[in-house]
Amino acid sequence: MNDFTLDELNVLVAVFEKAGIAEGNGSEGEMFSRIKSAQAERAELESMDFDDCLGGACKL
């Protein structure tokens, strides 16, 4: 699977915002909503400190 990086997702969000696409408005808005959701998930994943998983107390 080819996932977008956080930087790529940030660029996509910026493009949709510059285009004036409203979230949830038509197929473009639906895609924008999905991209913003993926961006938030990727940002959370990249901010995790996997040392937190030591001792069985993993955030995942």
PDB file of N, CA and C in Angstrom:
ATOM      1  N   MET A   1       0.844  -1.186   0.000  1.00  0.00           N
ATOM      2  CA  MET A   1       0.000   0.000   0.000  1.00  0.00           C
ATOM      3  C   MET A   1       0.886   1.245   0.000  1.00  0.00           C
ATOM      4  N   ASN A   2       0.534   2.219  -0.783  1.00  0.00           N
ATOM      5  CA  ASN A   2       1.275   3.470  -0.873  1.00  0.00           C
ATOM      6  C   ASN A   2       0.589   4.541  -0.047  1.00  0.00           C
ATOM      7  N   ASP A   3       1.047   4.745   1.170  1.00  0.00           N
ATOM      8  CA  ASP A   3       0.482   5.778   2.029  1.00  0.00           C
ATOM      9  C   ASP A   3       1.210   7.094   1.788  1.00  0.00           C
ATOM     10  N   PHE A   4       0.480   8.179   1.931  1.00  0.00           N
ATOM     11  CA  PHE A   4       1.088   9.489   1.819  1.00  0.00           C
ATOM     12  C   PHE A   4       1.861   9.803   3.092  1.00  0.00           C
ATOM     13  N   THR A   5       2.946  10.553   2.952  1.00  0.00           N
ATOM     14  CA  THR A   5       3.684  11.025   4.115  1.00  0.00           C
ATOM     15  C   THR A   5       2.923  12.201   4.721  1.00  0.00           C
ATOM     16  N   LEU A   6       3.309  12.596   5.907  1.00  0.00           N
ATOM     17  CA  LEU A   6       2.664  13.741   6.550  1.00  0.00           C
ATOM     18  C   LEU A   6       2.880  15.005   5.717  1.00  0.00           C
ATOM     19  N   ASP A   7       4.067  15.178   5.172  1.00  0.00           N
ATOM     20  CA  ASP A   7       4.334  16.352   4.341  1.00  0.00           C
ATOM     21  C   ASP A   7       3.437  16.370   3.106  1.00  0.00           C
ATOM     22  N   GLU A   8       3.261  15.211   2.477  1.00  0.00           N
ATOM     23  CA  GLU A   8       2.395  15.142   1.301  1.00  0.00           C
ATOM     24  C   GLU A   8       0.944  15.444   1.660  1.00  0.00           C
ATOM     25  N   LEU A   9       0.492  14.928   2.793  1.00  0.00           N
ATOM     26  CA  LEU A   9      -0.869  15.209   3.236  1.00  0.00           C
ATOM     27  C   LEU A   9      -1.050  16.688   3.552  1.00  0.00           C
ATOM     28  N   ASN A  10      -0.038  17.309   4.143  1.00  0.00           N
ATOM     29  CA  ASN A  10      -0.102  18.745   4.421  1.00  0.00           C
ATOM     30  C   ASN A  10      -0.232  19.542   3.127  1.00  0.00           C
ATOM     31  N   VAL A  11       0.498  19.134   2.084  1.00  0.00           N
ATOM     32  CA  VAL A  11       0.415  19.800   0.782  1.00  0.00           C
ATOM     33  C   VAL A  11      -0.990  19.629   0.202  1.00  0.00           C
ATOM     34  N   LEU A  12      -1.533  18.418   0.268  1.00  0.00           N
ATOM     35  CA  LEU A  12      -2.876  18.186  -0.258  1.00  0.00           C
ATOM     36  C   LEU A  12      -3.922  19.033   0.453  1.00  0.00           C
ATOM     37  N   VAL A  13      -3.824  19.117   1.770  1.00  0.00           N
ATOM     38  CA  VAL A  13      -4.770  19.936   2.529  1.00  0.00           C
ATOM     39  C   VAL A  13      -4.651  21.396   2.097  1.00  0.00           C
ATOM     40  N   ALA A  14      -3.420  21.875   1.928  1.00  0.00           N
ATOM     41  CA  ALA A  14      -3.215  23.262   1.508  1.00  0.00           C
ATOM     42  C   ALA A  14      -3.814  23.506   0.122  1.00  0.00           C
ATOM     43  N   VAL A  15      -3.666  22.555  -0.781  1.00  0.00           N
ATOM     44  CA  VAL A  15      -4.217  22.696  -2.137  1.00  0.00           C
ATOM     45  C   VAL A  15      -5.741  22.775  -2.088  1.00  0.00           C
ATOM     46  N   PHE A  16      -6.355  21.889  -1.304  1.00  0.00           N
ATOM     47  CA  PHE A  16      -7.817  21.904  -1.190  1.00  0.00           C
ATOM     48  C   PHE A  16      -8.295  23.216  -0.570  1.00  0.00           C
ATOM     49  N   GLU A  17      -7.566  23.711   0.438  1.00  0.00           N
ATOM     50  CA  GLU A  17      -7.954  24.970   1.069  1.00  0.00           C
ATOM     51  C   GLU A  17      -7.825  26.132   0.094  1.00  0.00           C
ATOM     52  N   LYS A  18      -6.737  26.166  -0.686  1.00  0.00           N
ATOM     53  CA  LYS A  18      -6.547  27.239  -1.671  1.00  0.00           C
ATOM     54  C   LYS A  18      -7.621  27.189  -2.752  1.00  0.00           C
ATOM     55  N   ALA A  19      -8.090  25.985  -3.058  1.00  0.00           N
ATOM     56  CA  ALA A  19      -9.135  25.833  -4.072  1.00  0.00           C
ATOM     57  C   ALA A  19     -10.510  26.197  -3.533  1.00  0.00           C
ATOM     58  N   GLY A  20     -10.607  26.410  -2.234  1.00  0.00           N
ATOM     59  CA  GLY A  20     -11.881  26.795  -1.635  1.00  0.00           C
ATOM     60  C   GLY A  20     -12.868  25.649  -1.510  1.00  0.00           C
ATOM     61  N   ILE A  21     -12.357  24.418  -1.424  1.00  0.00           N
ATOM     62  CA  ILE A  21     -13.224  23.247  -1.286  1.00  0.00           C
ATOM     63  C   ILE A  21     -13.708  23.163   0.158  1.00  0.00           C
ATOM     64  N   ALA A  22     -15.013  23.012   0.339  1.00  0.00           N
ATOM     65  CA  ALA A  22     -15.591  22.861   1.676  1.00  0.00           C
ATOM     66  C   ALA A  22     -15.708  21.379   2.002  1.00  0.00           C
ATOM     67  N   GLU A  23     -15.327  21.020   3.225  1.00  0.00           N
ATOM     68  CA  GLU A  23     -15.431  19.621   3.655  1.00  0.00           C
ATOM     69  C   GLU A  23     -16.861  19.127   3.545  1.00  0.00           C
ATOM     70  N   GLY A  24     -17.010  17.921   3.013  1.00  0.00           N
ATOM     71  CA  GLY A  24     -18.308  17.280   2.947  1.00  0.00           C
ATOM     72  C   GLY A  24     -19.238  17.812   1.869  1.00  0.00           C
ATOM     73  N   ASN A  25     -18.768  18.744   1.042  1.00  0.00           N
ATOM     74  CA  ASN A  25     -19.608  19.343   0.007  1.00  0.00           C
ATOM     75  C   ASN A  25     -19.286  18.702  -1.338  1.00  0.00           C
ATOM     76  N   GLY A  26     -20.064  17.713  -1.740  1.00  0.00           N
ATOM     77  CA  GLY A  26     -19.837  17.023  -3.006  1.00  0.00           C
ATOM     78  C   GLY A  26     -18.694  16.025  -2.911  1.00  0.00           C
ATOM     79  N   SER A  27     -18.320  15.458  -4.037  1.00  0.00           N
ATOM     80  CA  SER A  27     -17.267  14.438  -4.031  1.00  0.00           C
ATOM     81  C   SER A  27     -15.910  15.034  -3.662  1.00  0.00           C
ATOM     82  N   GLU A  28     -15.653  16.275  -4.092  1.00  0.00           N
ATOM     83  CA  GLU A  28     -14.398  16.931  -3.725  1.00  0.00           C
ATOM     84  C   GLU A  28     -14.336  17.182  -2.220  1.00  0.00           C
ATOM     85  N   GLY A  29     -15.436  17.626  -1.657  1.00  0.00           N
ATOM     86  CA  GLY A  29     -15.496  17.880  -0.217  1.00  0.00           C
ATOM     87  C   GLY A  29     -15.357  16.612   0.595  1.00  0.00           C
ATOM     88  N   GLU A  30     -15.923  15.523   0.083  1.00  0.00           N
ATOM     89  CA  GLU A  30     -15.788  14.236   0.760  1.00  0.00           C
ATOM     90  C   GLU A  30     -14.332  13.785   0.748  1.00  0.00           C
ATOM     91  N   MET A  31     -13.671  13.961  -0.390  1.00  0.00           N
ATOM     92  CA  MET A  31     -12.252  13.604  -0.474  1.00  0.00           C
ATOM     93  C   MET A  31     -11.429  14.477   0.467  1.00  0.00           C
ATOM     94  N   PHE A  32     -11.750  15.767   0.537  1.00  0.00           N
ATOM     95  CA  PHE A  32     -11.048  16.676   1.438  1.00  0.00           C
ATOM     96  C   PHE A  32     -11.197  16.216   2.884  1.00  0.00           C
ATOM     97  N   SER A  33     -12.386  15.796   3.268  1.00  0.00           N
ATOM     98  CA  SER A  33     -12.617  15.289   4.626  1.00  0.00           C
ATOM     99  C   SER A  33     -11.754  14.067   4.904  1.00  0.00           C
ATOM    100  N   ARG A  34     -11.679  13.160   3.928  1.00  0.00           N
ATOM    101  CA  ARG A  34     -10.874  11.951   4.100  1.00  0.00           C
ATOM    102  C   ARG A  34      -9.389  12.275   4.192  1.00  0.00           C
ATOM    103  N   ILE A  35      -8.942  13.253   3.406  1.00  0.00           N
ATOM    104  CA  ILE A  35      -7.535  13.653   3.445  1.00  0.00           C
ATOM    105  C   ILE A  35      -7.199  14.297   4.787  1.00  0.00           C
ATOM    106  N   LYS A  36      -8.089  15.151   5.291  1.00  0.00           N
ATOM    107  CA  LYS A  36      -7.845  15.784   6.595  1.00  0.00           C
ATOM    108  C   LYS A  36      -7.822  14.753   7.711  1.00  0.00           C
ATOM    109  N   SER A  37      -8.676  13.744   7.616  1.00  0.00           N
ATOM    110  CA  SER A  37      -8.681  12.669   8.603  1.00  0.00           C
ATOM    111  C   SER A  37      -7.369  11.880   8.542  1.00  0.00           C
ATOM    112  N   ALA A  38      -6.927  11.566   7.338  1.00  0.00           N
ATOM    113  CA  ALA A  38      -5.658  10.846   7.167  1.00  0.00           C
ATOM    114  C   ALA A  38      -4.494  11.676   7.677  1.00  0.00           C
ATOM    115  N   GLN A  39      -4.551  12.989   7.463  1.00  0.00           N
ATOM    116  CA  GLN A  39      -3.502  13.890   7.936  1.00  0.00           C
ATOM    117  C   GLN A  39      -3.430  13.866   9.463  1.00  0.00           C
ATOM    118  N   ALA A  40      -4.568  13.930  10.120  1.00  0.00           N
ATOM    119  CA  ALA A  40      -4.598  13.906  11.584  1.00  0.00           C
ATOM    120  C   ALA A  40      -4.068  12.578  12.128  1.00  0.00           C
ATOM    121  N   GLU A  41      -4.471  11.474  11.496  1.00  0.00           N
ATOM    122  CA  GLU A  41      -3.997  10.159  11.929  1.00  0.00           C
ATOM    123  C   GLU A  41      -2.497  10.018  11.732  1.00  0.00           C
ATOM    124  N   ARG A  42      -1.992  10.492  10.599  1.00  0.00           N
ATOM    125  CA  ARG A  42      -0.551  10.401  10.310  1.00  0.00           C
ATOM    126  C   ARG A  42       0.236  11.267  11.284  1.00  0.00           C
ATOM    127  N   ALA A  43      -0.271  12.467  11.591  1.00  0.00           N
ATOM    128  CA  ALA A  43       0.403  13.361  12.534  1.00  0.00           C
ATOM    129  C   ALA A  43       0.465  12.716  13.911  1.00  0.00           C
ATOM    130  N   GLU A  44      -0.614  12.081  14.324  1.00  0.00           N
ATOM    131  CA  GLU A  44      -0.631  11.410  15.626  1.00  0.00           C
ATOM    132  C   GLU A  44       0.363  10.251  15.634  1.00  0.00           C
ATOM    133  N   LEU A  45       0.379   9.469  14.583  1.00  0.00           N
ATOM    134  CA  LEU A  45       1.292   8.335  14.500  1.00  0.00           C
ATOM    135  C   LEU A  45       2.744   8.786  14.547  1.00  0.00           C
ATOM    136  N   GLU A  46       3.055   9.851  13.804  1.00  0.00           N
ATOM    137  CA  GLU A  46       4.436  10.335  13.770  1.00  0.00           C
ATOM    138  C   GLU A  46       4.851  11.018  15.068  1.00  0.00           C
ATOM    139  N   SER A  47       3.888  11.455  15.866  1.00  0.00           N
ATOM    140  CA  SER A  47       4.230  12.108  17.134  1.00  0.00           C
ATOM    141  C   SER A  47       4.407  11.107  18.273  1.00  0.00           C
ATOM    142  N   MET A  48       4.050   9.850  18.030  1.00  0.00           N
ATOM    143  CA  MET A  48       4.164   8.838  19.079  1.00  0.00           C
ATOM    144  C   MET A  48       5.618   8.533  19.380  1.00  0.00           C
ATOM    145  N   ASP A  49       5.875   8.338  20.630  1.00  0.00           N
ATOM    146  CA  ASP A  49       7.195   7.908  21.080  1.00  0.00           C
ATOM    147  C   ASP A  49       7.092   6.420  21.349  1.00  0.00           C
ATOM    148  N   PHE A  50       7.697   5.615  20.483  1.00  0.00           N
ATOM    149  CA  PHE A  50       7.534   4.184  20.604  1.00  0.00           C
ATOM    150  C   PHE A  50       8.246   3.609  21.819  1.00  0.00           C
ATOM    151  N   ASP A  51       9.000   4.434  22.541  1.00  0.00           N
ATOM    152  CA  ASP A  51       9.555   3.998  23.817  1.00  0.00           C
ATOM    153  C   ASP A  51       8.434   3.802  24.836  1.00  0.00           C
ATOM    154  N   ASP A  52       7.271   4.409  24.558  1.00  0.00           N
ATOM    155  CA  ASP A  52       6.116   4.241  25.438  1.00  0.00           C
ATOM    156  C   ASP A  52       5.629   2.798  25.441  1.00  0.00           C
ATOM    157  N   CYS A  53       6.060   2.000  24.463  1.00  0.00           N
ATOM    158  CA  CYS A  53       5.620   0.619  24.364  1.00  0.00           C
ATOM    159  C   CYS A  53       6.415  -0.312  25.260  1.00  0.00           C
ATOM    160  N   LEU A  54       7.476   0.180  25.862  1.00  0.00           N
ATOM    161  CA  LEU A  54       8.269  -0.651  26.757  1.00  0.00           C
ATOM    162  C   LEU A  54       7.452  -1.020  27.985  1.00  0.00           C
ATOM    163  N   GLY A  55       7.548  -2.255  28.389  1.00  0.00           N
ATOM    164  CA  GLY A  55       6.839  -2.706  29.578  1.00  0.00           C
ATOM    165  C   GLY A  55       5.356  -2.999  29.330  1.00  0.00           C
ATOM    166  N   GLY A  56       4.935  -3.075  28.092  1.00  0.00           N
ATOM    167  CA  GLY A  56       3.557  -3.431  27.775  1.00  0.00           C
ATOM    168  C   GLY A  56       2.555  -2.297  27.860  1.00  0.00           C
ATOM    169  N   ALA A  57       3.020  -1.057  28.010  1.00  0.00           N
ATOM    170  CA  ALA A  57       2.099   0.077  28.118  1.00  0.00           C
ATOM    171  C   ALA A  57       2.100   0.870  26.822  1.00  0.00           C
ATOM    172  N   CYS A  58       1.842   0.198  25.729  1.00  0.00           N
ATOM    173  CA  CYS A  58       1.906   0.819  24.411  1.00  0.00           C
ATOM    174  C   CYS A  58       0.638   1.597  24.109  1.00  0.00           C
ATOM    175  N   LYS A  59       0.788   2.752  23.458  1.00  0.00           N
ATOM    176  CA  LYS A  59      -0.367   3.563  23.061  1.00  0.00           C
ATOM    177  C   LYS A  59      -1.136   2.924  21.920  1.00  0.00           C
ATOM    178  N   LEU A  60      -0.475   2.067  21.166  1.00  0.00           N
ATOM    179  CA  LEU A  60      -1.139   1.464  20.014  1.00  0.00           C
ATOM    180  C   LEU A  60      -2.164   0.534  20.518  1.00  0.00           C
TER     181      LEU A  60
END
